[in-house]
């Protein structure tokens, strides 16, 4: 019985990993769009912050959001804004970012676990 379950485990892990990758890609798109919309609102209400979010240089690779956006959110600077709406929306974008990171990491770990189970 145990060997039968072990034989079924790698295909199951591959399926879960594939679902995780699809969800991770979807979350990266949602995070990117939410961050762009959020930071447009922030700059519209606080033009003095525009220089805090420079365009990344040519050839700079980054995840679903710009490095300057990520730095702003990770340092919790969105909570210093006077508008409660912008604070909440910034927290929501940060939650999207963390969800994307967790989903991507779990899917990669599932693929690695599947590899080791198959080679054992």
PDB file of N, CA and C in Angstrom:
ATOM      1  N   UNK A   1       0.821  -1.193   0.000  1.00  0.00           N
ATOM      2  CA  UNK A   1       0.000   0.000   0.000  1.00  0.00           C
ATOM      3  C   UNK A   1       0.869   1.263   0.000  1.00  0.00           C
ATOM      4  N   UNK A   2       1.922   1.247   0.827  1.00  0.00           N
ATOM      5  CA  UNK A   2       2.771   2.425   0.930  1.00  0.00           C
ATOM      6  C   UNK A   2       3.500   2.684  -0.393  1.00  0.00           C
ATOM      7  N   UNK A   3       3.987   1.637  -1.067  1.00  0.00           N
ATOM      8  CA  UNK A   3       4.689   1.834  -2.334  1.00  0.00           C
ATOM      9  C   UNK A   3       3.730   2.337  -3.421  1.00  0.00           C
ATOM     10  N   UNK A   4       2.455   1.922  -3.363  1.00  0.00           N
ATOM     11  CA  UNK A   4       1.461   2.400  -4.312  1.00  0.00           C
ATOM     12  C   UNK A   4       1.240   3.906  -4.142  1.00  0.00           C
ATOM     13  N   UNK A   5       1.141   4.344  -2.884  1.00  0.00           N
ATOM     14  CA  UNK A   5       0.958   5.780  -2.619  1.00  0.00           C
ATOM     15  C   UNK A   5       2.193   6.572  -3.034  1.00  0.00           C
ATOM     16  N   UNK A   6       3.362   5.992  -2.792  1.00  0.00           N
ATOM     17  CA  UNK A   6       4.599   6.660  -3.183  1.00  0.00           C
ATOM     18  C   UNK A   6       4.700   6.768  -4.703  1.00  0.00           C
ATOM     19  N   UNK A   7       4.184   5.749  -5.420  1.00  0.00           N
ATOM     20  CA  UNK A   7       4.197   5.788  -6.886  1.00  0.00           C
ATOM     21  C   UNK A   7       3.255   6.865  -7.415  1.00  0.00           C
ATOM     22  N   UNK A   8       2.164   7.108  -6.715  1.00  0.00           N
ATOM     23  CA  UNK A   8       1.211   8.141  -7.144  1.00  0.00           C
ATOM     24  C   UNK A   8       1.675   9.550  -6.787  1.00  0.00           C
ATOM     25  N   UNK A   9       2.570   9.668  -5.833  1.00  0.00           N
ATOM     26  CA  UNK A   9       2.965  10.979  -5.328  1.00  0.00           C
ATOM     27  C   UNK A   9       3.624  11.875  -6.383  1.00  0.00           C
ATOM     28  N   UNK A  10       4.644  11.403  -7.161  1.00  0.00           N
ATOM     29  CA  UNK A  10       5.272  12.322  -8.129  1.00  0.00           C
ATOM     30  C   UNK A  10       4.309  12.941  -9.143  1.00  0.00           C
ATOM     31  N   UNK A  11       3.398  12.180  -9.785  1.00  0.00           N
ATOM     32  CA  UNK A  11       2.474  12.849 -10.712  1.00  0.00           C
ATOM     33  C   UNK A  11       1.569  13.862 -10.000  1.00  0.00           C
ATOM     34  N   UNK A  12       1.173  13.538  -8.788  1.00  0.00           N
ATOM     35  CA  UNK A  12       0.349  14.457  -8.006  1.00  0.00           C
ATOM     36  C   UNK A  12       1.119  15.740  -7.706  1.00  0.00           C
ATOM     37  N   UNK A  13       2.406  15.591  -7.355  1.00  0.00           N
ATOM     38  CA  UNK A  13       3.233  16.762  -7.067  1.00  0.00           C
ATOM     39  C   UNK A  13       3.480  17.593  -8.326  1.00  0.00           C
ATOM     40  N   UNK A  14       3.623  16.922  -9.466  1.00  0.00           N
ATOM     41  CA  UNK A  14       3.790  17.648 -10.725  1.00  0.00           C
ATOM     42  C   UNK A  14       2.537  18.470 -11.018  1.00  0.00           C
ATOM     43  N   UNK A  15       1.385  17.866 -10.816  1.00  0.00           N
ATOM     44  CA  UNK A  15       0.124  18.582 -11.064  1.00  0.00           C
ATOM     45  C   UNK A  15      -0.016  19.772 -10.114  1.00  0.00           C
ATOM     46  N   UNK A  16       0.278  19.554  -8.832  1.00  0.00           N
ATOM     47  CA  UNK A  16       0.201  20.672  -7.879  1.00  0.00           C
ATOM     48  C   UNK A  16       1.206  21.764  -8.215  1.00  0.00           C
ATOM     49  N   UNK A  17       2.410  21.374  -8.610  1.00  0.00           N
ATOM     50  CA  UNK A  17       3.425  22.353  -8.997  1.00  0.00           C
ATOM     51  C   UNK A  17       3.006  23.155 -10.217  1.00  0.00           C
ATOM     52  N   UNK A  18       2.418  22.474 -11.194  1.00  0.00           N
ATOM     53  CA  UNK A  18       1.952  23.160 -12.405  1.00  0.00           C
ATOM     54  C   UNK A  18       0.830  24.145 -12.074  1.00  0.00           C
ATOM     55  N   UNK A  19      -0.089  23.717 -11.233  1.00  0.00           N
ATOM     56  CA  UNK A  19      -1.159  24.626 -10.797  1.00  0.00           C
ATOM     57  C   UNK A  19      -0.557  25.815 -10.060  1.00  0.00           C
ATOM     58  N   UNK A  20       0.447  25.549  -9.225  1.00  0.00           N
ATOM     59  CA  UNK A  20       1.119  26.624  -8.492  1.00  0.00           C
ATOM     60  C   UNK A  20       1.788  27.626  -9.415  1.00  0.00           C
ATOM     61  N   UNK A  21       2.403  27.139 -10.489  1.00  0.00           N
ATOM     62  CA  UNK A  21       3.050  28.040 -11.451  1.00  0.00           C
ATOM     63  C   UNK A  21       2.010  28.907 -12.152  1.00  0.00           C
ATOM     64  N   UNK A  22       0.894  28.302 -12.553  1.00  0.00           N
ATOM     65  CA  UNK A  22      -0.168  29.065 -13.219  1.00  0.00           C
ATOM     66  C   UNK A  22      -0.724  30.130 -12.285  1.00  0.00           C
ATOM     67  N   UNK A  23      -0.978  29.760 -11.028  1.00  0.00           N
ATOM     68  CA  UNK A  23      -1.489  30.720 -10.051  1.00  0.00           C
ATOM     69  C   UNK A  23      -0.451  31.808  -9.792  1.00  0.00           C
ATOM     70  N   UNK A  24       0.814  31.435  -9.736  1.00  0.00           N
ATOM     71  CA  UNK A  24       1.875  32.413  -9.511  1.00  0.00           C
ATOM     72  C   UNK A  24       1.964  33.424 -10.654  1.00  0.00           C
ATOM     73  N   UNK A  25       1.843  32.948 -11.882  1.00  0.00           N
ATOM     74  CA  UNK A  25       1.860  33.863 -13.036  1.00  0.00           C
ATOM     75  C   UNK A  25       0.660  34.800 -12.980  1.00  0.00           C
ATOM     76  N   UNK A  26      -0.511  34.239 -12.666  1.00  0.00           N
ATOM     77  CA  UNK A  26      -1.717  35.067 -12.554  1.00  0.00           C
ATOM     78  C   UNK A  26      -1.538  36.119 -11.445  1.00  0.00           C
ATOM     79  N   UNK A  27      -0.990  35.706 -10.295  1.00  0.00           N
ATOM     80  CA  UNK A  27      -0.781  36.663  -9.203  1.00  0.00           C
ATOM     81  C   UNK A  27       0.251  37.731  -9.571  1.00  0.00           C
ATOM     82  N   UNK A  28       1.251  37.379 -10.367  1.00  0.00           N
ATOM     83  CA  UNK A  28       2.229  38.393 -10.765  1.00  0.00           C
ATOM     84  C   UNK A  28       1.584  39.441 -11.667  1.00  0.00           C
ATOM     85  N   UNK A  29       0.671  39.012 -12.539  1.00  0.00           N
ATOM     86  CA  UNK A  29      -0.039  39.961 -13.403  1.00  0.00           C
ATOM     87  C   UNK A  29      -0.953  40.855 -12.569  1.00  0.00           C
ATOM     88  N   UNK A  30      -1.678  40.254 -11.641  1.00  0.00           N
ATOM     89  CA  UNK A  30      -2.571  41.027 -10.760  1.00  0.00           C
ATOM     90  C   UNK A  30      -1.757  42.009  -9.926  1.00  0.00           C
ATOM     91  N   UNK A  31      -0.635  41.560  -9.388  1.00  0.00           N
ATOM     92  CA  UNK A  31       0.220  42.430  -8.567  1.00  0.00           C
ATOM     93  C   UNK A  31       0.764  43.582  -9.391  1.00  0.00           C
ATOM     94  N   UNK A  32       1.237  43.291 -10.582  1.00  0.00           N
ATOM     95  CA  UNK A  32       1.783  44.334 -11.460  1.00  0.00           C
ATOM     96  C   UNK A  32       0.727  45.406 -11.766  1.00  0.00           C
ATOM     97  N   UNK A  33      -0.458  44.963 -12.160  1.00  0.00           N
ATOM     98  CA  UNK A  33      -1.527  45.913 -12.489  1.00  0.00           C
ATOM     99  C   UNK A  33      -1.963  46.719 -11.263  1.00  0.00           C
ATOM    100  N   UNK A  34      -2.118  46.045 -10.118  1.00  0.00           N
ATOM    101  CA  UNK A  34      -2.538  46.739  -8.891  1.00  0.00           C
ATOM    102  C   UNK A  34      -1.482  47.753  -8.448  1.00  0.00           C
ATOM    103  N   UNK A  35      -0.211  47.386  -8.557  1.00  0.00           N
ATOM    104  CA  UNK A  35       0.865  48.299  -8.159  1.00  0.00           C
ATOM    105  C   UNK A  35       0.916  49.517  -9.074  1.00  0.00           C
ATOM    106  N   UNK A  36       0.804  49.301 -10.376  1.00  0.00           N
ATOM    107  CA  UNK A  36       0.816  50.442 -11.301  1.00  0.00           C
ATOM    108  C   UNK A  36      -0.333  51.400 -11.016  1.00  0.00           C
ATOM    109  N   UNK A  37      -1.516  50.854 -10.818  1.00  0.00           N
ATOM    110  CA  UNK A  37      -2.685  51.689 -10.514  1.00  0.00           C
ATOM    111  C   UNK A  37      -2.504  52.427  -9.183  1.00  0.00           C
ATOM    112  N   UNK A  38      -2.019  51.716  -8.187  1.00  0.00           N
ATOM    113  CA  UNK A  38      -1.825  52.315  -6.864  1.00  0.00           C
ATOM    114  C   UNK A  38      -0.812  53.465  -6.913  1.00  0.00           C
ATOM    115  N   UNK A  39       0.323  53.228  -7.549  1.00  0.00           N
ATOM    116  CA  UNK A  39       1.355  54.272  -7.555  1.00  0.00           C
ATOM    117  C   UNK A  39       0.984  55.442  -8.469  1.00  0.00           C
ATOM    118  N   UNK A  40       0.117  55.228  -9.455  1.00  0.00           N
ATOM    119  CA  UNK A  40      -0.410  56.363 -10.205  1.00  0.00           C
ATOM    120  C   UNK A  40      -1.252  57.246  -9.287  1.00  0.00           C
ATOM    121  N   UNK A  41      -2.066  56.621  -8.436  1.00  0.00           N
ATOM    122  CA  UNK A  41      -2.885  57.379  -7.477  1.00  0.00           C
ATOM    123  C   UNK A  41      -2.009  58.104  -6.466  1.00  0.00           C
ATOM    124  N   UNK A  42      -0.961  57.436  -5.985  1.00  0.00           N
ATOM    125  CA  UNK A  42      -0.069  58.063  -4.992  1.00  0.00           C
ATOM    126  C   UNK A  42       0.596  59.286  -5.587  1.00  0.00           C
ATOM    127  N   UNK A  43       1.117  59.161  -6.801  1.00  0.00           N
ATOM    128  CA  UNK A  43       1.807  60.294  -7.441  1.00  0.00           C
ATOM    129  C   UNK A  43       0.813  61.403  -7.779  1.00  0.00           C
ATOM    130  N   UNK A  44      -0.419  61.046  -8.139  1.00  0.00           N
ATOM    131  CA  UNK A  44      -1.423  62.064  -8.445  1.00  0.00           C
ATOM    132  C   UNK A  44      -1.772  62.880  -7.205  1.00  0.00           C
ATOM    133  N   UNK A  45      -1.847  62.226  -6.053  1.00  0.00           N
ATOM    134  CA  UNK A  45      -2.200  62.946  -4.810  1.00  0.00           C
ATOM    135  C   UNK A  45      -0.990  63.549  -4.106  1.00  0.00           C
ATOM    136  N   UNK A  46       0.188  62.970  -4.364  1.00  0.00           N
ATOM    137  CA  UNK A  46       1.417  63.457  -3.728  1.00  0.00           C
ATOM    138  C   UNK A  46       2.509  63.585  -4.789  1.00  0.00           C
ATOM    139  N   UNK A  47       2.466  64.658  -5.590  1.00  0.00           N
ATOM    140  CA  UNK A  47       3.439  64.811  -6.683  1.00  0.00           C
ATOM    141  C   UNK A  47       4.894  64.864  -6.201  1.00  0.00           C
ATOM    142  N   UNK A  48       5.106  65.229  -4.955  1.00  0.00           N
ATOM    143  CA  UNK A  48       6.474  65.297  -4.421  1.00  0.00           C
ATOM    144  C   UNK A  48       7.123  63.910  -4.332  1.00  0.00           C
ATOM    145  N   UNK A  49       6.330  62.851  -4.387  1.00  0.00           N
ATOM    146  CA  UNK A  49       6.860  61.485  -4.313  1.00  0.00           C
ATOM    147  C   UNK A  49       7.250  60.919  -5.680  1.00  0.00           C
ATOM    148  N   UNK A  50       6.982  61.659  -6.738  1.00  0.00           N
ATOM    149  CA  UNK A  50       7.238  61.140  -8.081  1.00  0.00           C
ATOM    150  C   UNK A  50       8.699  60.744  -8.281  1.00  0.00           C
ATOM    151  N   UNK A  51       9.622  61.514  -7.723  1.00  0.00           N
ATOM    152  CA  UNK A  51      11.047  61.209  -7.881  1.00  0.00           C
ATOM    153  C   UNK A  51      11.468  59.985  -7.066  1.00  0.00           C
ATOM    154  N   UNK A  52      10.610  59.530  -6.165  1.00  0.00           N
ATOM    155  CA  UNK A  52      10.905  58.324  -5.379  1.00  0.00           C
ATOM    156  C   UNK A  52      10.716  57.048  -6.182  1.00  0.00           C
ATOM    157  N   UNK A  53      10.053  57.146  -7.344  1.00  0.00           N
ATOM    158  CA  UNK A  53       9.738  55.963  -8.146  1.00  0.00           C
ATOM    159  C   UNK A  53      10.313  56.090  -9.554  1.00  0.00           C
ATOM    160  N   UNK A  54      11.647  56.070  -9.678  1.00  0.00           N
ATOM    161  CA  UNK A  54      12.236  56.206 -11.016  1.00  0.00           C
ATOM    162  C   UNK A  54      12.012  54.951 -11.854  1.00  0.00           C
ATOM    163  N   UNK A  55      12.047  55.150 -13.151  1.00  0.00           N
ATOM    164  CA  UNK A  55      11.980  54.014 -14.077  1.00  0.00           C
ATOM    165  C   UNK A  55      13.261  53.201 -13.894  1.00  0.00           C
ATOM    166  N   UNK A  56      13.157  51.877 -13.895  1.00  0.00           N
ATOM    167  CA  UNK A  56      14.392  51.085 -13.815  1.00  0.00           C
ATOM    168  C   UNK A  56      15.238  51.291 -15.061  1.00  0.00           C
ATOM    169  N   UNK A  57      16.529  51.190 -14.897  1.00  0.00           N
ATOM    170  CA  UNK A  57      17.439  51.382 -16.017  1.00  0.00           C
ATOM    171  C   UNK A  57      17.294  50.304 -17.073  1.00  0.00           C
ATOM    172  N   UNK A  58      17.906  50.540 -18.212  1.00  0.00           N
ATOM    173  CA  UNK A  58      17.850  49.588 -19.319  1.00  0.00           C
ATOM    174  C   UNK A  58      18.529  48.289 -18.903  1.00  0.00           C
ATOM    175  N   UNK A  59      17.855  47.185 -19.128  1.00  0.00           N
ATOM    176  CA  UNK A  59      18.426  45.879 -18.830  1.00  0.00           C
ATOM    177  C   UNK A  59      18.245  45.421 -17.395  1.00  0.00           C
ATOM    178  N   UNK A  60      17.620  46.247 -16.569  1.00  0.00           N
ATOM    179  CA  UNK A  60      17.384  45.855 -15.182  1.00  0.00           C
ATOM    180  C   UNK A  60      16.221  44.876 -15.145  1.00  0.00           C
ATOM    181  N   UNK A  61      16.454  43.727 -14.543  1.00  0.00           N
ATOM    182  CA  UNK A  61      15.398  42.730 -14.436  1.00  0.00           C
ATOM    183  C   UNK A  61      14.823  42.782 -13.023  1.00  0.00           C
ATOM    184  N   UNK A  62      13.507  42.652 -12.950  1.00  0.00           N
ATOM    185  CA  UNK A  62      12.852  42.675 -11.647  1.00  0.00           C
ATOM    186  C   UNK A  62      11.590  41.835 -11.719  1.00  0.00           C
ATOM    187  N   UNK A  63      10.984  41.608 -10.568  1.00  0.00           N
ATOM    188  CA  UNK A  63       9.798  40.764 -10.466  1.00  0.00           C
ATOM    189  C   UNK A  63       8.548  41.470 -10.938  1.00  0.00           C
ATOM    190  N   UNK A  64       7.434  41.179 -10.290  1.00  0.00           N
ATOM    191  CA  UNK A  64       6.170  41.726 -10.780  1.00  0.00           C
ATOM    192  C   UNK A  64       6.023  43.237 -10.600  1.00  0.00           C
ATOM    193  N   UNK A  65       6.797  43.855  -9.706  1.00  0.00           N
ATOM    194  CA  UNK A  65       6.710  45.311  -9.544  1.00  0.00           C
ATOM    195  C   UNK A  65       8.112  45.913  -9.552  1.00  0.00           C
ATOM    196  N   UNK A  66       8.166  47.207  -9.838  1.00  0.00           N
ATOM    197  CA  UNK A  66       9.448  47.910  -9.884  1.00  0.00           C
ATOM    198  C   UNK A  66      10.165  47.824  -8.536  1.00  0.00           C
ATOM    199  N   UNK A  67      11.492  47.835  -8.555  1.00  0.00           N
ATOM    200  CA  UNK A  67      12.235  47.824  -7.291  1.00  0.00           C
ATOM    201  C   UNK A  67      11.911  49.023  -6.392  1.00  0.00           C
ATOM    202  N   UNK A  68      11.675  50.189  -6.975  1.00  0.00           N
ATOM    203  CA  UNK A  68      11.345  51.362  -6.161  1.00  0.00           C
ATOM    204  C   UNK A  68       9.973  51.206  -5.498  1.00  0.00           C
ATOM    205  N   UNK A  69       9.036  50.586  -6.204  1.00  0.00           N
ATOM    206  CA  UNK A  69       7.721  50.319  -5.620  1.00  0.00           C
ATOM    207  C   UNK A  69       7.852  49.329  -4.465  1.00  0.00           C
ATOM    208  N   UNK A  70       8.660  48.287  -4.692  1.00  0.00           N
ATOM    209  CA  UNK A  70       8.826  47.260  -3.672  1.00  0.00           C
ATOM    210  C   UNK A  70       9.476  47.838  -2.417  1.00  0.00           C
ATOM    211  N   UNK A  71      10.476  48.682  -2.608  1.00  0.00           N
ATOM    212  CA  UNK A  71      11.147  49.303  -1.468  1.00  0.00           C
ATOM    213  C   UNK A  71      10.163  50.162  -0.669  1.00  0.00           C
ATOM    214  N   UNK A  72       9.337  50.928  -1.361  1.00  0.00           N
ATOM    215  CA  UNK A  72       8.343  51.783  -0.715  1.00  0.00           C
ATOM    216  C   UNK A  72       7.379  50.946   0.123  1.00  0.00           C
ATOM    217  N   UNK A  73       6.908  49.845  -0.436  1.00  0.00           N
ATOM    218  CA  UNK A  73       5.939  48.996   0.268  1.00  0.00           C
ATOM    219  C   UNK A  73       6.583  48.209   1.406  1.00  0.00           C
ATOM    220  N   UNK A  74       7.772  47.658   1.179  1.00  0.00           N
ATOM    221  CA  UNK A  74       8.406  46.840   2.201  1.00  0.00           C
ATOM    222  C   UNK A  74       8.847  47.659   3.413  1.00  0.00           C
ATOM    223  N   UNK A  75       9.139  48.931   3.188  1.00  0.00           N
ATOM    224  CA  UNK A  75       9.497  49.806   4.315  1.00  0.00           C
ATOM    225  C   UNK A  75       8.263  50.390   4.994  1.00  0.00           C
ATOM    226  N   UNK A  76       7.086  49.938   4.554  1.00  0.00           N
ATOM    227  CA  UNK A  76       5.795  50.356   5.125  1.00  0.00           C
ATOM    228  C   UNK A  76       5.581  51.866   5.019  1.00  0.00           C
ATOM    229  N   UNK A  77       6.169  52.496   4.009  1.00  0.00           N
ATOM    230  CA  UNK A  77       5.995  53.937   3.829  1.00  0.00           C
ATOM    231  C   UNK A  77       4.581  54.279   3.384  1.00  0.00           C
ATOM    232  N   UNK A  78       3.859  53.289   2.838  1.00  0.00           N
ATOM    233  CA  UNK A  78       2.473  53.546   2.441  1.00  0.00           C
ATOM    234  C   UNK A  78       1.601  53.831   3.667  1.00  0.00           C
ATOM    235  N   UNK A  79       2.009  53.333   4.825  1.00  0.00           N
ATOM    236  CA  UNK A  79       1.242  53.584   6.052  1.00  0.00           C
ATOM    237  C   UNK A  79       1.448  54.996   6.592  1.00  0.00           C
ATOM    238  N   UNK A  80       2.429  55.722   6.062  1.00  0.00           N
ATOM    239  CA  UNK A  80       2.678  57.109   6.487  1.00  0.00           C
ATOM    240  C   UNK A  80       1.860  58.109   5.675  1.00  0.00           C
ATOM    241  N   UNK A  81       1.204  57.636   4.624  1.00  0.00           N
ATOM    242  CA  UNK A  81       0.372  58.539   3.822  1.00  0.00           C
ATOM    243  C   UNK A  81      -0.859  58.951   4.620  1.00  0.00           C
ATOM    244  N   UNK A  82      -1.314  60.188   4.473  1.00  0.00           N
ATOM    245  CA  UNK A  82      -2.456  60.648   5.275  1.00  0.00           C
ATOM    246  C   UNK A  82      -3.801  60.025   4.875  1.00  0.00           C
ATOM    247  N   UNK A  83      -3.925  59.585   3.626  1.00  0.00           N
ATOM    248  CA  UNK A  83      -5.194  59.030   3.160  1.00  0.00           C
ATOM    249  C   UNK A  83      -5.302  57.555   3.557  1.00  0.00           C
ATOM    250  N   UNK A  84      -6.359  57.239   4.275  1.00  0.00           N
ATOM    251  CA  UNK A  84      -6.581  55.861   4.719  1.00  0.00           C
ATOM    252  C   UNK A  84      -6.795  54.939   3.520  1.00  0.00           C
ATOM    253  N   UNK A  85      -7.449  55.450   2.493  1.00  0.00           N
ATOM    254  CA  UNK A  85      -7.697  54.654   1.282  1.00  0.00           C
ATOM    255  C   UNK A  85      -6.377  54.204   0.648  1.00  0.00           C
ATOM    256  N   UNK A  86      -5.403  55.118   0.565  1.00  0.00           N
ATOM    257  CA  UNK A  86      -4.104  54.770  -0.012  1.00  0.00           C
ATOM    258  C   UNK A  86      -3.330  53.814   0.888  1.00  0.00           C
ATOM    259  N   UNK A  87      -3.485  53.952   2.186  1.00  0.00           N
ATOM    260  CA  UNK A  87      -2.838  53.022   3.111  1.00  0.00           C
ATOM    261  C   UNK A  87      -3.364  51.608   2.904  1.00  0.00           C
ATOM    262  N   UNK A  88      -4.687  51.479   2.818  1.00  0.00           N
ATOM    263  CA  UNK A  88      -5.303  50.161   2.633  1.00  0.00           C
ATOM    264  C   UNK A  88      -4.934  49.558   1.286  1.00  0.00           C
ATOM    265  N   UNK A  89      -4.965  50.380   0.260  1.00  0.00           N
ATOM    266  CA  UNK A  89      -4.634  49.869  -1.074  1.00  0.00           C
ATOM    267  C   UNK A  89      -3.164  49.456  -1.147  1.00  0.00           C
ATOM    268  N   UNK A  90      -2.280  50.191  -0.486  1.00  0.00           N
ATOM    269  CA  UNK A  90      -0.865  49.812  -0.432  1.00  0.00           C
ATOM    270  C   UNK A  90      -0.675  48.489   0.295  1.00  0.00           C
ATOM    271  N   UNK A  91      -1.419  48.294   1.373  1.00  0.00           N
ATOM    272  CA  UNK A  91      -1.351  47.017   2.096  1.00  0.00           C
ATOM    273  C   UNK A  91      -1.870  45.876   1.233  1.00  0.00           C
ATOM    274  N   UNK A  92      -2.875  46.157   0.431  1.00  0.00           N
ATOM    275  CA  UNK A  92      -3.428  45.132  -0.464  1.00  0.00           C
ATOM    276  C   UNK A  92      -2.402  44.746  -1.538  1.00  0.00           C
ATOM    277  N   UNK A  93      -1.719  45.729  -2.102  1.00  0.00           N
ATOM    278  CA  UNK A  93      -0.689  45.447  -3.108  1.00  0.00           C
ATOM    279  C   UNK A  93       0.442  44.630  -2.477  1.00  0.00           C
ATOM    280  N   UNK A  94       0.829  44.971  -1.254  1.00  0.00           N
ATOM    281  CA  UNK A  94       1.872  44.222  -0.558  1.00  0.00           C
ATOM    282  C   UNK A  94       1.419  42.783  -0.301  1.00  0.00           C
ATOM    283  N   UNK A  95       0.164  42.589   0.050  1.00  0.00           N
ATOM    284  CA  UNK A  95      -0.374  41.237   0.255  1.00  0.00           C
ATOM    285  C   UNK A  95      -0.345  40.444  -1.056  1.00  0.00           C
ATOM    286  N   UNK A  96      -0.666  41.096  -2.174  1.00  0.00           N
ATOM    287  CA  UNK A  96      -0.569  40.434  -3.480  1.00  0.00           C
ATOM    288  C   UNK A  96       0.876  40.003  -3.754  1.00  0.00           C
ATOM    289  N   UNK A  97       1.811  40.881  -3.427  1.00  0.00           N
ATOM    290  CA  UNK A  97       3.214  40.582  -3.664  1.00  0.00           C
ATOM    291  C   UNK A  97       3.669  39.388  -2.836  1.00  0.00           C
ATOM    292  N   UNK A  98       3.293  39.355  -1.562  1.00  0.00           N
ATOM    293  CA  UNK A  98       3.654  38.231  -0.697  1.00  0.00           C
ATOM    294  C   UNK A  98       2.973  36.941  -1.168  1.00  0.00           C
ATOM    295  N   UNK A  99       1.731  37.024  -1.598  1.00  0.00           N
ATOM    296  CA  UNK A  99       1.027  35.834  -2.096  1.00  0.00           C
ATOM    297  C   UNK A  99       1.728  35.266  -3.324  1.00  0.00           C
ATOM    298  N   UNK A 100       2.160  36.155  -4.210  1.00  0.00           N
ATOM    299  CA  UNK A 100       2.886  35.716  -5.403  1.00  0.00           C
ATOM    300  C   UNK A 100       4.184  35.014  -5.000  1.00  0.00           C
ATOM    301  N   UNK A 101       4.940  35.601  -4.083  1.00  0.00           N
ATOM    302  CA  UNK A 101       6.220  35.019  -3.661  1.00  0.00           C
ATOM    303  C   UNK A 101       6.019  33.650  -3.012  1.00  0.00           C
ATOM    304  N   UNK A 102       5.027  33.532  -2.160  1.00  0.00           N
ATOM    305  CA  UNK A 102       4.767  32.259  -1.480  1.00  0.00           C
ATOM    306  C   UNK A 102       4.330  31.194  -2.479  1.00  0.00           C
ATOM    307  N   UNK A 103       3.426  31.531  -3.374  1.00  0.00           N
ATOM    308  CA  UNK A 103       2.940  30.564  -4.357  1.00  0.00           C
ATOM    309  C   UNK A 103       4.073  30.087  -5.267  1.00  0.00           C
ATOM    310  N   UNK A 104       4.897  31.006  -5.718  1.00  0.00           N
ATOM    311  CA  UNK A 104       6.015  30.645  -6.591  1.00  0.00           C
ATOM    312  C   UNK A 104       6.997  29.735  -5.850  1.00  0.00           C
ATOM    313  N   UNK A 105       7.328  30.082  -4.613  1.00  0.00           N
ATOM    314  CA  UNK A 105       8.272  29.291  -3.831  1.00  0.00           C
ATOM    315  C   UNK A 105       7.742  27.882  -3.571  1.00  0.00           C
ATOM    316  N   UNK A 106       6.475  27.783  -3.202  1.00  0.00           N
ATOM    317  CA  UNK A 106       5.882  26.464  -2.938  1.00  0.00           C
ATOM    318  C   UNK A 106       5.864  25.612  -4.204  1.00  0.00           C
ATOM    319  N   UNK A 107       5.548  26.199  -5.336  1.00  0.00           N
ATOM    320  CA  UNK A 107       5.518  25.407  -6.572  1.00  0.00           C
ATOM    321  C   UNK A 107       6.913  24.903  -6.933  1.00  0.00           C
ATOM    322  N   UNK A 108       7.930  25.716  -6.752  1.00  0.00           N
ATOM    323  CA  UNK A 108       9.308  25.270  -7.019  1.00  0.00           C
ATOM    324  C   UNK A 108       9.704  24.162  -6.052  1.00  0.00           C
ATOM    325  N   UNK A 109       9.351  24.304  -4.775  1.00  0.00           N
ATOM    326  CA  UNK A 109       9.657  23.261  -3.794  1.00  0.00           C
ATOM    327  C   UNK A 109       8.940  21.955  -4.128  1.00  0.00           C
ATOM    328  N   UNK A 110       7.722  22.031  -4.643  1.00  0.00           N
ATOM    329  CA  UNK A 110       7.008  20.820  -5.054  1.00  0.00           C
ATOM    330  C   UNK A 110       7.718  20.117  -6.204  1.00  0.00           C
ATOM    331  N   UNK A 111       8.223  20.877  -7.160  1.00  0.00           N
ATOM    332  CA  UNK A 111       8.963  20.272  -8.270  1.00  0.00           C
ATOM    333  C   UNK A 111      10.255  19.618  -7.774  1.00  0.00           C
ATOM    334  N   UNK A 112      10.945  20.268  -6.837  1.00  0.00           N
ATOM    335  CA  UNK A 112      12.172  19.691  -6.280  1.00  0.00           C
ATOM    336  C   UNK A 112      11.864  18.421  -5.501  1.00  0.00           C
ATOM    337  N   UNK A 113      10.801  18.430  -4.685  1.00  0.00           N
ATOM    338  CA  UNK A 113      10.410  17.244  -3.935  1.00  0.00           C
ATOM    339  C   UNK A 113      10.044  16.102  -4.884  1.00  0.00           C
ATOM    340  N   UNK A 114       9.330  16.418  -5.929  1.00  0.00           N
ATOM    341  CA  UNK A 114       8.965  15.406  -6.927  1.00  0.00           C
ATOM    342  C   UNK A 114      10.208  14.793  -7.558  1.00  0.00           C
ATOM    343  N   UNK A 115      11.193  15.613  -7.862  1.00  0.00           N
ATOM    344  CA  UNK A 115      12.434  15.117  -8.458  1.00  0.00           C
ATOM    345  C   UNK A 115      13.129  14.137  -7.531  1.00  0.00           C
ATOM    346  N   UNK A 116      13.234  14.496  -6.246  1.00  0.00           N
ATOM    347  CA  UNK A 116      13.914  13.614  -5.300  1.00  0.00           C
ATOM    348  C   UNK A 116      13.119  12.336  -5.022  1.00  0.00           C
ATOM    349  N   UNK A 117      11.798  12.416  -5.006  1.00  0.00           N
ATOM    350  CA  UNK A 117      11.001  11.216  -4.820  1.00  0.00           C
ATOM    351  C   UNK A 117      11.111  10.269  -6.018  1.00  0.00           C
ATOM    352  N   UNK A 118      11.196  10.835  -7.193  1.00  0.00           N
ATOM    353  CA  UNK A 118      11.286  10.007  -8.394  1.00  0.00           C
ATOM    354  C   UNK A 118      12.660   9.342  -8.509  1.00  0.00           C
ATOM    355  N   UNK A 119      13.697  10.037  -8.059  1.00  0.00           N
ATOM    356  CA  UNK A 119      15.052   9.475  -8.177  1.00  0.00           C
ATOM    357  C   UNK A 119      15.370   8.521  -7.030  1.00  0.00           C
ATOM    358  N   UNK A 120      14.541   8.493  -6.004  1.00  0.00           N
ATOM    359  CA  UNK A 120      14.815   7.612  -4.852  1.00  0.00           C
ATOM    360  C   UNK A 120      14.439   6.181  -5.128  1.00  0.00           C
TER     361      UNK A 120
END
